[in-house]
Amino acid sequence: MDQTHQDKTAVAPAALAGQMTDPRRSGLWRAVAGMLAALSLAAVIVAIEMSHELISRVTHYRTRIATLNRRVDTLKEKARADEARLANAREEIKERKLMASKDRVKAILIAPDRRTIKLAAPDPNGLASATVTISAKMGGAVLNARGLPSPPEGQVYDAWWMLKDAPPAKAAEFRSMIDGSASEYLDPPPQGSPPTLLSITIEPSEGGIAPTGPVKLQGKVPAGVGEERNGGSKRH
């Protein structure tokens, strides 16, 4: 009997210790759960704040992009308007130059001091011919040609003043019409060396400083043409 009583007495403190430990464990788990809940809540709050910040930044960037796009569209419209004005200005300048050229050609053709140079093909069987009217007072000449076939692709006709004591001087570069005609303003011969001949050659379209191609038309310049221009320049 005593032994049995002693065993019960020994068991009682262990059971009591177990009862005391369970509430501590339960409290610990509740604390851990509370911390986890707090952490979760904090994470949610941070995520919401970051989401709001992100949305704000995205909205800001979208607004800036929209503003920049509007500016770009405005600049494009302005550039198109400027290009249109520039094209109109160029066309107007071109028309004015054309009118001035036509007026100069007319003035040369009726100038009281005009002189005429006849050009013919070196080949006796050639059908091309031309007339050049030159005026010292108007400071230029006009070529009217016929029978000049259209030059091959990449080539043009060049008019040259063949000078007495100097290298040839280019007077014009042109292409003939489909019917073989050509009407072109020619720069006057340079001062200081009178021209002896006026030649029309066919040359590469890149141009050159001296004739290299075959002569298609050529004519003798009347004596005194260069001197007349020099004298006219001195009088002015």
Protein backbone atom coordinates (compact mmCIF):
# COMPACT_ATOMS: atom_id res chain seq x y z
CA MET A 1 0.00 0.00 0.00
CA ASP A 2 2.75 2.42 0.87
CA GLN A 3 4.54 1.76 -2.33
CA THR A 4 1.44 2.41 -4.34
CA HIS A 5 0.86 5.64 -2.51
CA GLN A 6 4.41 6.70 -3.10
CA ASP A 7 4.11 6.06 -6.85
CA LYS A 8 1.00 8.20 -7.04
CA THR A 9 2.74 10.86 -5.08
CA ALA A 10 5.68 10.76 -7.54
CA VAL A 11 3.44 10.93 -10.58
CA ALA A 12 1.51 13.96 -9.38
CA PRO A 13 4.33 16.52 -9.78
CA ALA A 14 5.05 15.32 -13.35
CA ALA A 15 1.44 15.67 -14.36
CA LEU A 16 1.29 19.09 -12.76
CA ALA A 17 4.40 20.15 -14.70
CA GLY A 18 2.78 19.00 -17.93
CA GLN A 19 -0.32 21.03 -17.15
CA MET A 20 1.80 24.07 -16.49
CA THR A 21 3.84 23.66 -19.73
CA ASP A 22 0.82 23.45 -22.09
CA PRO A 23 -0.39 27.02 -21.46
CA ARG A 24 3.13 28.34 -22.11
CA ARG A 25 3.30 26.51 -25.40
CA SER A 26 -0.13 27.72 -26.32
CA GLY A 27 0.86 31.29 -25.53
CA LEU A 28 4.03 30.95 -27.55
CA TRP A 29 2.12 29.72 -30.57
CA ARG A 30 -0.39 32.52 -30.17
CA ALA A 31 2.49 35.01 -30.07
CA VAL A 32 4.04 33.48 -33.16
CA ALA A 33 0.70 33.53 -34.92
CA GLY A 34 0.23 37.14 -33.90
CA MET A 35 3.64 38.06 -35.23
CA LEU A 36 2.94 36.27 -38.49
CA ALA A 37 -0.38 38.05 -38.79
CA ALA A 38 1.32 41.35 -38.08
CA LEU A 39 3.98 40.63 -40.62
CA SER A 40 1.35 39.64 -43.18
CA LEU A 41 -0.58 42.81 -42.48
CA ALA A 42 2.60 44.87 -42.78
CA ALA A 43 3.44 43.14 -46.04
CA VAL A 44 -0.04 43.87 -47.37
CA ILE A 45 0.25 47.52 -46.32
CA VAL A 46 3.69 47.82 -47.95
CA ALA A 47 2.39 46.12 -51.09
CA ILE A 48 -0.58 48.50 -51.22
CA GLU A 49 1.67 51.51 -50.74
CA MET A 50 4.10 50.26 -53.39
CA SER A 51 1.17 49.59 -55.70
CA HIS A 52 -0.09 53.13 -55.17
CA GLU A 53 3.42 54.51 -55.76
CA LEU A 54 3.81 52.38 -58.87
CA ILE A 55 0.43 53.48 -60.20
CA SER A 56 1.37 57.10 -59.49
CA ARG A 57 4.67 56.74 -61.31
CA VAL A 58 3.07 54.95 -64.25
CA THR A 59 0.44 57.67 -64.48
CA HIS A 60 3.16 60.34 -64.31
CA TYR A 61 5.22 58.67 -67.04
CA ARG A 62 2.15 58.15 -69.22
CA THR A 63 1.31 61.83 -68.82
CA ARG A 64 4.85 62.83 -69.76
CA ILE A 65 4.84 60.47 -72.75
CA ALA A 66 1.50 61.87 -73.90
CA THR A 67 2.88 65.41 -73.55
CA LEU A 68 6.02 64.50 -75.50
CA ASN A 69 3.94 62.82 -78.18
CA ARG A 70 1.86 65.97 -78.54
CA ARG A 71 5.04 68.04 -78.81
CA VAL A 72 6.43 65.64 -81.42
CA ASP A 73 3.18 65.86 -83.40
CA THR A 74 3.32 69.66 -83.18
CA LEU A 75 6.93 69.68 -84.39
CA LYS A 76 6.04 67.31 -87.23
CA GLU A 77 3.19 69.56 -88.31
CA LYS A 78 5.50 72.57 -88.15
CA ALA A 79 8.16 70.72 -90.14
CA ARG A 80 5.60 69.78 -92.80
CA ALA A 81 4.39 73.38 -92.95
CA ASP A 82 8.00 74.61 -93.22
CA GLU A 83 8.72 72.09 -95.98
CA ALA A 84 5.62 73.22 -97.85
CA ARG A 85 6.64 76.87 -97.52
CA LEU A 86 10.19 76.01 -98.62
CA ALA A 87 8.88 74.07 -101.62
CA ASN A 88 6.65 77.00 -102.56
CA ALA A 89 9.57 79.42 -102.16
CA ARG A 90 11.80 77.23 -104.32
CA GLU A 91 9.11 76.97 -106.97
CA GLU A 92 8.64 80.74 -106.90
CA ILE A 93 12.40 81.30 -107.21
CA LYS A 94 12.53 78.81 -110.06
CA GLU A 95 9.69 80.58 -111.85
CA ARG A 96 11.33 83.96 -111.31
CA LYS A 97 14.63 82.66 -112.64
CA LEU A 98 12.85 81.16 -115.62
CA MET A 99 11.07 84.42 -116.31
CA ALA A 100 14.31 86.35 -115.87
CA SER A 101 16.05 83.94 -118.22
CA LYS A 102 13.28 84.29 -120.79
CA ASP A 103 13.41 88.05 -120.44
CA ARG A 104 17.19 88.00 -120.87
CA VAL A 105 16.90 85.77 -123.92
CA LYS A 106 14.34 88.14 -125.46
CA ALA A 107 16.52 91.12 -124.63
CA ILE A 108 19.54 89.48 -126.32
CA LEU A 109 17.55 88.56 -129.42
CA ILE A 110 16.41 92.17 -129.92
CA ALA A 111 19.52 93.96 -128.63
CA PRO A 112 20.72 96.62 -131.09
CA ASP A 113 24.32 95.37 -130.81
CA ARG A 114 23.46 91.71 -131.40
CA ARG A 115 25.66 89.67 -133.69
CA THR A 116 25.03 86.23 -135.17
CA ILE A 117 27.23 83.13 -135.27
CA LYS A 118 26.32 80.25 -137.56
CA LEU A 119 27.13 76.72 -136.38
CA ALA A 120 27.28 73.66 -138.64
CA ALA A 121 28.12 69.98 -138.24
CA PRO A 122 31.74 69.06 -139.09
CA ASP A 123 30.37 66.14 -141.07
CA PRO A 124 29.11 67.43 -144.44
CA ASN A 125 26.27 64.90 -144.26
CA GLY A 126 25.22 66.05 -140.80
CA LEU A 127 21.78 67.58 -140.49
CA ALA A 128 22.33 69.54 -137.27
CA SER A 129 22.72 73.29 -137.37
CA ALA A 130 22.43 76.23 -134.98
CA THR A 131 22.41 79.98 -134.71
CA VAL A 132 23.95 81.88 -131.79
CA THR A 133 22.96 85.46 -131.13
CA ILE A 134 25.39 87.34 -128.90
CA SER A 135 25.07 90.79 -127.36
CA ALA A 136 27.91 92.57 -125.60
CA LYS A 137 25.49 95.06 -124.08
CA MET A 138 23.32 92.33 -122.54
CA GLY A 139 26.39 90.25 -121.58
CA GLY A 140 25.28 86.91 -122.97
CA ALA A 141 24.28 84.82 -125.97
CA VAL A 142 21.39 82.61 -127.06
CA LEU A 143 21.74 79.27 -128.86
CA ASN A 144 18.95 78.00 -131.13
CA ALA A 145 19.73 74.57 -132.56
CA ARG A 146 17.90 71.94 -134.57
CA GLY A 147 18.70 68.42 -135.68
CA LEU A 148 20.50 67.52 -132.43
CA PRO A 149 19.39 64.03 -131.37
CA SER A 150 18.84 63.41 -127.68
CA PRO A 151 22.18 62.47 -126.10
CA PRO A 152 22.61 58.97 -124.66
CA GLU A 153 21.89 58.38 -120.98
CA GLY A 154 24.57 59.93 -118.81
CA GLN A 155 25.69 62.41 -121.48
CA VAL A 156 24.86 66.03 -122.32
CA TYR A 157 25.75 68.69 -124.86
CA ASP A 158 28.31 71.31 -123.81
CA ALA A 159 28.87 74.65 -125.50
CA TRP A 160 32.45 75.96 -125.47
CA TRP A 161 34.08 79.24 -126.35
CA MET A 162 37.39 78.29 -127.96
CA LEU A 163 39.70 81.14 -126.92
CA LYS A 164 42.73 82.47 -128.73
CA ASP A 165 45.20 82.60 -125.85
CA ALA A 166 43.48 80.59 -123.11
CA PRO A 167 41.88 77.19 -122.47
CA PRO A 168 38.28 76.66 -123.65
CA ALA A 169 35.55 78.21 -121.51
CA LYS A 170 32.25 76.39 -120.99
CA ALA A 171 29.24 78.49 -121.99
CA ALA A 172 26.39 76.07 -121.21
CA GLU A 173 25.37 72.48 -120.57
CA PHE A 174 22.07 71.27 -122.05
CA ARG A 175 20.00 68.46 -123.54
CA SER A 176 18.05 68.69 -126.77
CA MET A 177 14.30 68.16 -127.04
CA ILE A 178 12.72 65.05 -128.53
CA ASP A 179 12.41 66.80 -131.90
CA GLY A 180 16.13 67.63 -131.88
CA SER A 181 15.69 71.32 -131.10
CA ALA A 182 17.41 73.24 -128.33
CA SER A 183 17.15 76.80 -127.07
CA GLU A 184 19.70 77.73 -124.44
CA TYR A 185 21.20 80.79 -122.81
CA LEU A 186 24.99 80.89 -123.11
CA ASP A 187 27.37 82.60 -120.73
CA PRO A 188 29.43 85.23 -122.54
CA PRO A 189 33.08 84.56 -123.39
CA PRO A 190 35.50 85.53 -120.62
CA GLN A 191 37.25 88.86 -120.83
CA GLY A 192 40.90 89.11 -121.73
CA SER A 193 41.07 86.55 -124.53
CA PRO A 194 38.84 86.85 -127.62
CA PRO A 195 37.00 83.71 -128.78
CA THR A 196 37.78 82.24 -132.18
CA LEU A 197 35.26 79.38 -132.35
CA LEU A 198 32.11 78.22 -130.64
CA SER A 199 31.87 74.43 -130.42
CA ILE A 200 29.13 72.05 -129.26
CA THR A 201 30.44 68.72 -128.00
CA ILE A 202 28.84 65.74 -126.32
CA GLU A 203 30.26 65.06 -122.86
CA PRO A 204 29.62 62.99 -119.71
CA SER A 205 26.90 64.53 -117.55
CA GLU A 206 29.35 64.89 -114.63
CA GLY A 207 30.80 67.83 -116.52
CA GLY A 208 34.38 68.82 -117.14
CA ILE A 209 36.63 71.83 -117.49
CA ALA A 210 37.61 71.07 -121.08
CA PRO A 211 35.97 69.40 -124.09
CA THR A 212 36.82 65.73 -124.54
CA GLY A 213 33.95 64.40 -126.66
CA PRO A 214 33.24 64.62 -130.39
CA VAL A 215 32.29 67.98 -131.89
CA LYS A 216 28.66 68.04 -133.07
CA LEU A 217 28.44 71.70 -134.12
CA GLN A 218 31.01 74.41 -134.65
CA GLY A 219 31.16 77.95 -135.97
CA LYS A 220 33.64 80.77 -136.35
CA VAL A 221 33.19 83.74 -134.03
CA PRO A 222 33.29 87.08 -135.87
CA ALA A 223 36.35 89.16 -135.13
CA GLY A 224 35.93 91.74 -132.44
CA VAL A 225 33.21 89.94 -130.39
CA GLY A 226 35.40 89.69 -127.29
CA GLU A 227 36.76 93.17 -127.72
CA GLU A 228 33.26 94.59 -128.06
CA ARG A 229 32.30 93.11 -124.73
CA ASN A 230 35.44 94.39 -123.07
CA GLY A 231 34.83 97.82 -124.50
CA GLY A 232 31.21 97.71 -123.44
CA SER A 233 32.23 96.73 -119.92
CA LYS A 234 34.66 99.64 -119.73
CA ARG A 235 32.00 102.08 -120.83
CA HIS A 236 29.79 100.88 -117.99
